[in-house]
N, C-alpha and C. Protein backbone atom coordinates (compact mmCIF):
# COMPACT_ATOMS: atom_id res chain seq x y z
N MET A 1 14.37 12.37 3.83
CA MET A 1 14.40 12.11 5.26
C MET A 1 13.26 11.15 5.58
N ASN A 2 13.55 10.06 6.33
CA ASN A 2 12.49 9.11 6.64
C ASN A 2 11.61 9.63 7.77
N LYS A 3 10.48 9.00 7.95
CA LYS A 3 9.48 9.50 8.89
C LYS A 3 9.98 9.46 10.33
N GLU A 4 10.76 8.44 10.69
CA GLU A 4 11.29 8.38 12.05
C GLU A 4 12.20 9.57 12.32
N ASN A 5 13.01 9.96 11.35
CA ASN A 5 13.90 11.11 11.54
C ASN A 5 13.11 12.41 11.66
N ILE A 6 11.99 12.51 10.96
CA ILE A 6 11.15 13.69 11.07
C ILE A 6 10.62 13.81 12.50
N ILE A 7 10.15 12.68 13.05
CA ILE A 7 9.66 12.69 14.43
C ILE A 7 10.79 13.07 15.38
N TRP A 8 12.00 12.52 15.17
CA TRP A 8 13.15 12.86 16.02
C TRP A 8 13.43 14.36 15.99
N ASP A 9 13.42 14.96 14.80
CA ASP A 9 13.68 16.39 14.69
C ASP A 9 12.64 17.21 15.46
N ILE A 10 11.39 16.78 15.41
CA ILE A 10 10.34 17.48 16.14
C ILE A 10 10.55 17.34 17.64
N LEU A 11 10.90 16.13 18.09
CA LEU A 11 11.08 15.89 19.52
C LEU A 11 12.30 16.61 20.09
N LYS A 12 13.25 16.98 19.23
CA LYS A 12 14.41 17.74 19.71
C LYS A 12 13.99 19.11 20.21
N GLU A 13 12.94 19.68 19.57
CA GLU A 13 12.45 21.00 19.96
C GLU A 13 11.80 20.97 21.34
N LYS A 14 10.99 19.97 21.57
CA LYS A 14 10.19 19.87 22.78
C LYS A 14 9.94 18.38 23.01
N HIS A 15 10.05 17.91 24.23
CA HIS A 15 9.97 16.47 24.48
C HIS A 15 8.56 15.93 24.67
N ILE A 16 7.60 16.79 24.88
CA ILE A 16 6.24 16.33 25.11
C ILE A 16 5.33 16.91 24.03
N PHE A 17 4.64 16.00 23.33
CA PHE A 17 3.72 16.40 22.26
C PHE A 17 2.46 15.59 22.35
N SER A 18 1.36 16.20 22.01
CA SER A 18 0.12 15.45 21.83
C SER A 18 0.11 14.96 20.39
N LEU A 19 -0.74 13.98 20.11
CA LEU A 19 -0.87 13.50 18.73
C LEU A 19 -1.36 14.62 17.81
N ASP A 20 -2.23 15.47 18.34
CA ASP A 20 -2.70 16.60 17.53
C ASP A 20 -1.54 17.53 17.16
N ASP A 21 -0.63 17.78 18.12
CA ASP A 21 0.54 18.62 17.83
C ASP A 21 1.40 17.99 16.74
N LEU A 22 1.66 16.68 16.88
CA LEU A 22 2.49 15.98 15.88
C LEU A 22 1.80 15.97 14.52
N LYS A 23 0.49 15.75 14.53
CA LYS A 23 -0.26 15.73 13.27
C LYS A 23 -0.15 17.10 12.58
N GLU A 24 -0.27 18.16 13.36
CA GLU A 24 -0.18 19.51 12.81
C GLU A 24 1.22 19.80 12.28
N LYS A 25 2.26 19.39 13.00
CA LYS A 25 3.63 19.68 12.59
C LYS A 25 4.06 18.86 11.38
N THR A 26 3.54 17.62 11.26
CA THR A 26 3.98 16.74 10.17
C THR A 26 3.07 16.80 8.95
N ASP A 27 1.82 17.20 9.13
CA ASP A 27 0.84 17.19 8.05
C ASP A 27 0.53 15.78 7.58
N TRP A 28 0.72 14.77 8.45
CA TRP A 28 0.42 13.38 8.12
C TRP A 28 -0.99 13.05 8.57
N ASN A 29 -1.57 12.00 7.96
CA ASN A 29 -2.85 11.53 8.46
C ASN A 29 -2.58 10.66 9.70
N PHE A 30 -3.64 10.32 10.43
CA PHE A 30 -3.45 9.56 11.67
C PHE A 30 -2.79 8.21 11.42
N SER A 31 -3.07 7.59 10.28
CA SER A 31 -2.45 6.30 9.96
C SER A 31 -0.94 6.42 9.92
N GLU A 32 -0.43 7.40 9.18
CA GLU A 32 1.02 7.58 9.07
C GLU A 32 1.62 7.90 10.44
N LEU A 33 0.94 8.75 11.18
CA LEU A 33 1.44 9.16 12.48
C LEU A 33 1.46 7.99 13.46
N PHE A 34 0.35 7.25 13.56
CA PHE A 34 0.29 6.11 14.48
C PHE A 34 1.33 5.05 14.11
N THR A 35 1.48 4.81 12.82
CA THR A 35 2.43 3.80 12.36
C THR A 35 3.86 4.19 12.75
N THR A 36 4.25 5.42 12.49
CA THR A 36 5.61 5.86 12.77
C THR A 36 5.87 5.93 14.27
N VAL A 37 4.97 6.55 15.00
CA VAL A 37 5.13 6.67 16.45
C VAL A 37 5.07 5.27 17.09
N GLY A 38 4.17 4.44 16.60
CA GLY A 38 4.07 3.07 17.12
C GLY A 38 5.34 2.27 16.92
N ARG A 39 5.96 2.40 15.76
CA ARG A 39 7.20 1.68 15.47
C ARG A 39 8.33 2.18 16.39
N LEU A 40 8.42 3.50 16.57
CA LEU A 40 9.43 4.05 17.47
C LEU A 40 9.22 3.56 18.90
N ALA A 41 7.97 3.50 19.33
CA ALA A 41 7.67 3.01 20.68
C ALA A 41 7.97 1.52 20.79
N ALA A 42 7.60 0.75 19.78
CA ALA A 42 7.85 -0.69 19.79
C ALA A 42 9.34 -1.01 19.82
N ASP A 43 10.13 -0.17 19.16
CA ASP A 43 11.58 -0.35 19.14
C ASP A 43 12.24 0.20 20.39
N GLY A 44 11.46 0.80 21.29
CA GLY A 44 11.99 1.34 22.53
C GLY A 44 12.73 2.67 22.37
N LYS A 45 12.52 3.33 21.24
CA LYS A 45 13.21 4.59 20.98
C LYS A 45 12.50 5.78 21.62
N ILE A 46 11.19 5.66 21.82
CA ILE A 46 10.44 6.70 22.51
C ILE A 46 9.49 6.03 23.48
N THR A 47 9.01 6.79 24.43
CA THR A 47 8.03 6.29 25.39
C THR A 47 6.75 7.08 25.19
N LEU A 48 5.65 6.36 25.18
CA LEU A 48 4.35 7.01 25.03
C LEU A 48 3.70 7.13 26.39
N SER A 49 3.02 8.22 26.59
CA SER A 49 2.28 8.45 27.82
C SER A 49 0.87 8.83 27.43
N VAL A 50 -0.10 8.22 28.07
CA VAL A 50 -1.49 8.50 27.75
C VAL A 50 -2.10 9.29 28.90
N SER A 51 -2.70 10.40 28.56
CA SER A 51 -3.37 11.22 29.56
C SER A 51 -4.82 11.39 29.15
N ILE A 52 -5.71 11.23 30.09
CA ILE A 52 -7.12 11.44 29.81
C ILE A 52 -7.37 12.93 29.79
N ASN A 53 -7.97 13.41 28.70
CA ASN A 53 -8.30 14.81 28.53
C ASN A 53 -7.09 15.72 28.76
N ALA A 54 -5.95 15.33 28.20
CA ALA A 54 -4.73 16.13 28.35
C ALA A 54 -4.87 17.46 27.64
N GLU A 55 -5.66 17.51 26.62
CA GLU A 55 -5.88 18.74 25.87
C GLU A 55 -7.08 19.48 26.46
N LYS A 56 -7.33 20.65 25.96
CA LYS A 56 -8.45 21.45 26.43
C LYS A 56 -9.78 20.87 25.95
N HIS A 57 -9.70 20.00 24.97
CA HIS A 57 -10.90 19.42 24.40
C HIS A 57 -10.63 17.96 24.06
N TYR A 58 -11.70 17.20 23.97
CA TYR A 58 -11.57 15.81 23.55
C TYR A 58 -11.44 15.77 22.03
N THR A 59 -10.63 14.86 21.55
CA THR A 59 -10.56 14.64 20.12
C THR A 59 -11.48 13.47 19.83
N HIS A 60 -12.49 13.71 19.05
CA HIS A 60 -13.43 12.66 18.72
C HIS A 60 -13.05 12.07 17.37
N LEU A 61 -13.01 10.76 17.33
CA LEU A 61 -12.73 10.08 16.08
C LEU A 61 -14.04 9.87 15.33
N SER A 62 -13.98 10.04 14.04
CA SER A 62 -15.15 9.69 13.24
C SER A 62 -15.29 8.17 13.26
N ARG A 63 -16.42 7.68 12.80
CA ARG A 63 -16.62 6.23 12.76
C ARG A 63 -15.53 5.57 11.91
N TYR A 64 -15.19 6.17 10.77
CA TYR A 64 -14.15 5.62 9.91
C TYR A 64 -12.80 5.58 10.64
N GLU A 65 -12.46 6.68 11.34
CA GLU A 65 -11.18 6.70 12.06
C GLU A 65 -11.17 5.67 13.18
N TYR A 66 -12.30 5.51 13.87
CA TYR A 66 -12.39 4.51 14.92
C TYR A 66 -12.22 3.10 14.35
N LEU A 67 -12.93 2.81 13.27
CA LEU A 67 -12.83 1.48 12.67
C LEU A 67 -11.44 1.25 12.10
N PHE A 68 -10.83 2.28 11.54
CA PHE A 68 -9.47 2.14 11.04
C PHE A 68 -8.51 1.84 12.19
N THR A 69 -8.69 2.51 13.33
CA THR A 69 -7.86 2.24 14.50
C THR A 69 -8.04 0.80 14.96
N CYS A 70 -9.28 0.32 14.94
CA CYS A 70 -9.54 -1.09 15.29
C CYS A 70 -8.83 -2.02 14.31
N PHE A 71 -8.89 -1.70 13.03
CA PHE A 71 -8.20 -2.49 12.00
C PHE A 71 -6.70 -2.52 12.27
N MET A 72 -6.11 -1.35 12.56
CA MET A 72 -4.67 -1.28 12.85
C MET A 72 -4.32 -2.15 14.06
N ASP A 73 -5.15 -2.10 15.10
CA ASP A 73 -4.90 -2.91 16.29
C ASP A 73 -4.95 -4.40 15.94
N LEU A 74 -5.94 -4.79 15.15
CA LEU A 74 -6.06 -6.19 14.75
C LEU A 74 -4.86 -6.62 13.91
N VAL A 75 -4.43 -5.78 12.99
CA VAL A 75 -3.26 -6.12 12.16
C VAL A 75 -2.04 -6.28 13.05
N SER A 76 -1.85 -5.39 14.01
CA SER A 76 -0.71 -5.49 14.92
C SER A 76 -0.74 -6.80 15.71
N THR A 77 -1.93 -7.21 16.10
CA THR A 77 -2.08 -8.42 16.91
C THR A 77 -1.96 -9.70 16.10
N HIS A 78 -2.51 -9.70 14.90
CA HIS A 78 -2.64 -10.95 14.13
C HIS A 78 -1.77 -11.04 12.88
N LEU A 79 -0.91 -10.07 12.65
CA LEU A 79 -0.13 -10.03 11.41
C LEU A 79 0.69 -11.30 11.21
N ASP A 80 1.21 -11.86 12.29
CA ASP A 80 2.05 -13.05 12.14
C ASP A 80 1.26 -14.29 11.73
N LYS A 81 -0.07 -14.22 11.77
CA LYS A 81 -0.89 -15.38 11.39
C LYS A 81 -1.85 -15.12 10.24
N GLU A 82 -2.25 -13.87 10.05
CA GLU A 82 -3.30 -13.56 9.06
C GLU A 82 -2.93 -12.39 8.16
N ARG A 83 -3.12 -12.59 6.86
CA ARG A 83 -2.93 -11.51 5.88
C ARG A 83 -4.19 -11.31 5.04
N SER A 84 -5.28 -11.92 5.42
CA SER A 84 -6.52 -11.90 4.65
C SER A 84 -7.44 -10.77 5.09
N ILE A 85 -7.91 -9.98 4.12
CA ILE A 85 -8.87 -8.92 4.42
C ILE A 85 -10.15 -9.52 5.01
N ASN A 86 -10.55 -10.69 4.52
CA ASN A 86 -11.76 -11.33 5.03
C ASN A 86 -11.66 -11.61 6.53
N PHE A 87 -10.49 -12.03 6.98
CA PHE A 87 -10.29 -12.30 8.41
C PHE A 87 -10.52 -11.02 9.22
N TYR A 88 -9.86 -9.93 8.83
CA TYR A 88 -9.97 -8.69 9.59
C TYR A 88 -11.38 -8.13 9.54
N ALA A 89 -12.04 -8.20 8.40
CA ALA A 89 -13.42 -7.72 8.29
C ALA A 89 -14.33 -8.54 9.20
N SER A 90 -14.14 -9.86 9.21
CA SER A 90 -15.01 -10.69 10.05
C SER A 90 -14.76 -10.42 11.53
N GLN A 91 -13.54 -10.14 11.91
CA GLN A 91 -13.24 -9.80 13.31
C GLN A 91 -13.92 -8.49 13.73
N MET A 92 -14.13 -7.61 12.76
CA MET A 92 -14.75 -6.32 13.03
C MET A 92 -16.26 -6.33 12.77
N CYS A 93 -16.77 -7.47 12.31
CA CYS A 93 -18.19 -7.64 12.00
C CYS A 93 -18.65 -6.65 10.93
N ILE A 94 -17.81 -6.46 9.92
CA ILE A 94 -18.16 -5.63 8.77
C ILE A 94 -17.78 -6.40 7.51
N SER A 95 -18.25 -5.95 6.38
CA SER A 95 -17.92 -6.64 5.13
C SER A 95 -16.51 -6.24 4.66
N PRO A 96 -15.87 -7.11 3.90
CA PRO A 96 -14.56 -6.76 3.35
C PRO A 96 -14.61 -5.48 2.49
N LYS A 97 -15.71 -5.29 1.76
CA LYS A 97 -15.85 -4.10 0.92
C LYS A 97 -15.90 -2.84 1.78
N TYR A 98 -16.66 -2.90 2.88
CA TYR A 98 -16.76 -1.74 3.78
C TYR A 98 -15.41 -1.48 4.43
N LEU A 99 -14.69 -2.52 4.83
CA LEU A 99 -13.35 -2.36 5.40
C LEU A 99 -12.43 -1.69 4.38
N SER A 100 -12.50 -2.12 3.14
CA SER A 100 -11.68 -1.52 2.08
C SER A 100 -11.98 -0.04 1.92
N THR A 101 -13.25 0.32 1.95
CA THR A 101 -13.66 1.72 1.83
C THR A 101 -13.09 2.55 2.99
N ILE A 102 -13.21 2.02 4.19
CA ILE A 102 -12.73 2.72 5.40
C ILE A 102 -11.23 2.94 5.33
N VAL A 103 -10.48 1.86 5.10
CA VAL A 103 -9.02 1.94 5.12
C VAL A 103 -8.53 2.86 4.01
N LYS A 104 -9.12 2.77 2.85
CA LYS A 104 -8.73 3.62 1.72
C LYS A 104 -8.99 5.10 2.04
N GLN A 105 -10.14 5.39 2.62
CA GLN A 105 -10.48 6.79 2.91
C GLN A 105 -9.58 7.37 4.00
N VAL A 106 -9.29 6.60 5.05
CA VAL A 106 -8.51 7.13 6.17
C VAL A 106 -7.01 7.16 5.86
N SER A 107 -6.50 6.10 5.23
CA SER A 107 -5.05 6.00 5.05
C SER A 107 -4.57 6.26 3.63
N GLY A 108 -5.49 6.22 2.68
CA GLY A 108 -5.09 6.38 1.28
C GLY A 108 -4.56 5.09 0.67
N LYS A 109 -4.61 4.01 1.44
CA LYS A 109 -4.14 2.70 0.96
C LYS A 109 -5.27 1.70 1.07
N THR A 110 -5.17 0.63 0.30
CA THR A 110 -6.13 -0.45 0.45
C THR A 110 -5.69 -1.31 1.64
N PRO A 111 -6.60 -2.11 2.20
CA PRO A 111 -6.18 -2.99 3.29
C PRO A 111 -5.05 -3.93 2.88
N THR A 112 -5.10 -4.41 1.65
CA THR A 112 -4.04 -5.30 1.16
C THR A 112 -2.70 -4.59 1.16
N GLU A 113 -2.67 -3.34 0.68
CA GLU A 113 -1.42 -2.57 0.68
C GLU A 113 -0.94 -2.33 2.11
N TYR A 114 -1.88 -1.99 2.99
CA TYR A 114 -1.53 -1.72 4.38
C TYR A 114 -0.96 -2.97 5.05
N ILE A 115 -1.63 -4.10 4.86
CA ILE A 115 -1.17 -5.36 5.46
C ILE A 115 0.19 -5.75 4.89
N LYS A 116 0.35 -5.64 3.57
CA LYS A 116 1.63 -6.00 2.96
C LYS A 116 2.75 -5.09 3.46
N GLU A 117 2.48 -3.79 3.56
CA GLU A 117 3.49 -2.86 4.07
C GLU A 117 3.92 -3.25 5.48
N LYS A 118 2.96 -3.56 6.33
CA LYS A 118 3.27 -3.96 7.71
C LYS A 118 4.04 -5.28 7.73
N MET A 119 3.66 -6.21 6.85
CA MET A 119 4.35 -7.49 6.79
C MET A 119 5.79 -7.31 6.32
N ILE A 120 6.00 -6.51 5.30
CA ILE A 120 7.36 -6.27 4.79
C ILE A 120 8.19 -5.59 5.88
N ASP A 121 7.61 -4.63 6.60
CA ASP A 121 8.33 -3.98 7.71
C ASP A 121 8.73 -5.01 8.77
N GLU A 122 7.81 -5.92 9.07
CA GLU A 122 8.09 -6.95 10.08
C GLU A 122 9.18 -7.91 9.60
N ILE A 123 9.12 -8.30 8.34
CA ILE A 123 10.15 -9.18 7.78
C ILE A 123 11.51 -8.48 7.83
N LYS A 124 11.56 -7.23 7.39
CA LYS A 124 12.82 -6.48 7.42
C LYS A 124 13.37 -6.40 8.84
N TYR A 125 12.49 -6.12 9.78
CA TYR A 125 12.92 -6.05 11.18
C TYR A 125 13.51 -7.38 11.63
N ARG A 126 12.80 -8.47 11.34
CA ARG A 126 13.28 -9.79 11.78
C ARG A 126 14.56 -10.20 11.06
N LEU A 127 14.70 -9.81 9.81
CA LEU A 127 15.93 -10.14 9.08
C LEU A 127 17.13 -9.39 9.64
N CYS A 128 16.93 -8.13 9.98
CA CYS A 128 18.05 -7.28 10.42
C CYS A 128 18.31 -7.32 11.92
N CYS A 129 17.30 -7.57 12.70
CA CYS A 129 17.42 -7.38 14.14
C CYS A 129 17.26 -8.65 14.97
N THR A 130 17.15 -9.79 14.30
CA THR A 130 17.09 -11.05 15.05
C THR A 130 18.10 -12.03 14.45
N GLN A 131 18.37 -13.05 15.20
CA GLN A 131 19.27 -14.10 14.73
C GLN A 131 18.50 -15.28 14.13
N ALA A 132 17.18 -15.17 14.04
CA ALA A 132 16.35 -16.25 13.51
C ALA A 132 16.75 -16.55 12.06
N SER A 133 16.71 -17.83 11.72
CA SER A 133 16.99 -18.20 10.35
C SER A 133 15.86 -17.71 9.44
N ILE A 134 16.13 -17.65 8.16
CA ILE A 134 15.10 -17.22 7.21
C ILE A 134 13.92 -18.18 7.24
N LYS A 135 14.22 -19.45 7.39
CA LYS A 135 13.16 -20.45 7.49
C LYS A 135 12.30 -20.21 8.73
N GLU A 136 12.93 -19.90 9.86
CA GLU A 136 12.19 -19.63 11.10
C GLU A 136 11.32 -18.37 10.94
N ILE A 137 11.86 -17.37 10.28
CA ILE A 137 11.09 -16.14 10.04
C ILE A 137 9.89 -16.44 9.16
N ALA A 138 10.11 -17.17 8.07
CA ALA A 138 9.03 -17.49 7.13
C ALA A 138 7.91 -18.26 7.82
N TYR A 139 8.26 -19.30 8.54
CA TYR A 139 7.22 -20.10 9.19
C TYR A 139 6.63 -19.38 10.39
N GLY A 140 7.42 -18.54 11.06
CA GLY A 140 6.90 -17.75 12.17
C GLY A 140 5.89 -16.70 11.74
N LEU A 141 5.96 -16.30 10.48
CA LEU A 141 5.01 -15.34 9.92
C LEU A 141 3.94 -16.02 9.08
N ASN A 142 3.83 -17.33 9.24
CA ASN A 142 2.77 -18.13 8.63
C ASN A 142 2.81 -18.17 7.11
N PHE A 143 4.02 -18.21 6.54
CA PHE A 143 4.15 -18.44 5.11
C PHE A 143 4.18 -19.95 4.90
N SER A 144 3.53 -20.41 3.85
CA SER A 144 3.39 -21.86 3.64
C SER A 144 4.70 -22.53 3.27
N ASN A 145 5.60 -21.79 2.60
CA ASN A 145 6.90 -22.37 2.26
C ASN A 145 7.92 -21.26 2.01
N LEU A 146 9.18 -21.64 1.96
CA LEU A 146 10.25 -20.66 1.78
C LEU A 146 10.20 -19.99 0.41
N SER A 147 9.80 -20.73 -0.60
CA SER A 147 9.74 -20.19 -1.95
C SER A 147 8.75 -19.02 -2.01
N PHE A 148 7.55 -19.23 -1.48
CA PHE A 148 6.54 -18.17 -1.48
C PHE A 148 7.02 -16.99 -0.65
N PHE A 149 7.62 -17.25 0.49
CA PHE A 149 8.16 -16.20 1.35
C PHE A 149 9.17 -15.35 0.58
N GLY A 150 10.10 -16.02 -0.11
CA GLY A 150 11.12 -15.31 -0.88
C GLY A 150 10.52 -14.47 -1.99
N LYS A 151 9.56 -15.03 -2.72
CA LYS A 151 8.91 -14.29 -3.81
C LYS A 151 8.11 -13.09 -3.28
N TYR A 152 7.42 -13.29 -2.17
CA TYR A 152 6.63 -12.22 -1.54
C TYR A 152 7.53 -11.05 -1.17
N PHE A 153 8.66 -11.36 -0.54
CA PHE A 153 9.59 -10.32 -0.10
C PHE A 153 10.28 -9.65 -1.28
N LYS A 154 10.74 -10.45 -2.22
CA LYS A 154 11.49 -9.91 -3.36
C LYS A 154 10.61 -9.05 -4.26
N ALA A 155 9.34 -9.39 -4.39
CA ALA A 155 8.43 -8.61 -5.23
C ALA A 155 8.31 -7.17 -4.71
N ASP A 156 8.43 -6.99 -3.42
CA ASP A 156 8.30 -5.65 -2.84
C ASP A 156 9.62 -4.92 -2.70
N THR A 157 10.68 -5.64 -2.38
CA THR A 157 11.96 -4.99 -2.08
C THR A 157 12.99 -5.09 -3.19
N GLY A 158 12.84 -6.08 -4.07
CA GLY A 158 13.84 -6.31 -5.10
C GLY A 158 15.00 -7.16 -4.61
N TYR A 159 14.96 -7.58 -3.35
CA TYR A 159 16.02 -8.41 -2.76
C TYR A 159 15.45 -9.72 -2.27
N SER A 160 16.26 -10.75 -2.33
CA SER A 160 15.89 -11.98 -1.66
C SER A 160 16.09 -11.73 -0.16
N PRO A 161 15.42 -12.49 0.70
CA PRO A 161 15.61 -12.28 2.14
C PRO A 161 17.08 -12.39 2.57
N SER A 162 17.80 -13.37 2.02
CA SER A 162 19.20 -13.54 2.43
C SER A 162 20.08 -12.39 1.96
N SER A 163 19.86 -11.88 0.73
CA SER A 163 20.68 -10.76 0.27
C SER A 163 20.32 -9.48 1.02
N TYR A 164 19.05 -9.32 1.36
CA TYR A 164 18.64 -8.15 2.15
C TYR A 164 19.32 -8.20 3.53
N ARG A 165 19.29 -9.37 4.15
CA ARG A 165 19.92 -9.52 5.47
C ARG A 165 21.41 -9.22 5.39
N THR A 166 22.08 -9.77 4.38
CA THR A 166 23.52 -9.55 4.22
C THR A 166 23.82 -8.07 4.03
N LYS A 167 23.08 -7.43 3.14
CA LYS A 167 23.32 -6.02 2.85
C LYS A 167 23.10 -5.14 4.08
N HIS A 168 22.00 -5.36 4.77
CA HIS A 168 21.67 -4.50 5.90
C HIS A 168 22.41 -4.89 7.17
N SER A 169 22.81 -6.11 7.31
CA SER A 169 23.63 -6.49 8.46
C SER A 169 25.00 -5.85 8.34
N ALA A 170 25.52 -5.76 7.11
CA ALA A 170 26.81 -5.12 6.90
C ALA A 170 26.72 -3.64 7.27
N LYS A 171 25.63 -2.97 6.89
CA LYS A 171 25.44 -1.56 7.25
C LYS A 171 25.35 -1.39 8.75
N MET A 172 24.62 -2.29 9.42
CA MET A 172 24.48 -2.18 10.87
C MET A 172 25.82 -2.35 11.56
N ASN A 173 26.66 -3.26 11.04
CA ASN A 173 27.98 -3.47 11.65
C ASN A 173 28.90 -2.29 11.43
N ILE A 174 28.77 -1.62 10.28
CA ILE A 174 29.59 -0.42 10.02
C ILE A 174 29.15 0.71 10.95
N ASN A 175 27.82 0.87 11.09
CA ASN A 175 27.31 1.96 11.92
C ASN A 175 27.46 1.70 13.41
N ASN A 176 27.55 0.45 13.80
CA ASN A 176 27.65 0.12 15.21
C ASN A 176 28.81 -0.86 15.40
N PRO A 177 30.02 -0.36 15.65
CA PRO A 177 31.18 -1.24 15.75
C PRO A 177 31.13 -2.20 16.93
N ASN A 178 30.19 -2.01 17.86
CA ASN A 178 30.08 -2.92 19.01
C ASN A 178 29.39 -4.21 18.65
N ASN A 179 28.79 -4.31 17.44
CA ASN A 179 28.11 -5.54 17.00
C ASN A 179 29.12 -6.60 16.63
């Protein structure tokens, strides 16, 4: 079962949850939770509501969790232009080594793995959910050429961008006959 379906199953029980409730029910770290909930919200599948002191107590983030959240925000903002750990570390005024330590401790992944995962998710989304050409997607995500874009994507997924689009577009058309 994928993470989005797990969140859906939880929301069927009760429609309002705090992040602490979701974290407790899923046993995920904040990175996994923010990523999954963020994707659902970005896709318009759920709505997020922020309440100040909605719980009986404030949840305090450790310095590492705070810096990781800053890193996630920067990646969300700059992913289409930057994939370099040095860029993100300099934006946060910390060293790349310290950023690596933080991201690894909070998420269990290196910044490179985290950035690549987010980039692959974005490429998959654009391939399946937009009409943009593969060339437009590649250049829109700041890849220097189509060849590198194709190799980058295929190394992670095992598919070329065009075969991935064909395969998943066919699935989307089967699942949604209105397409």
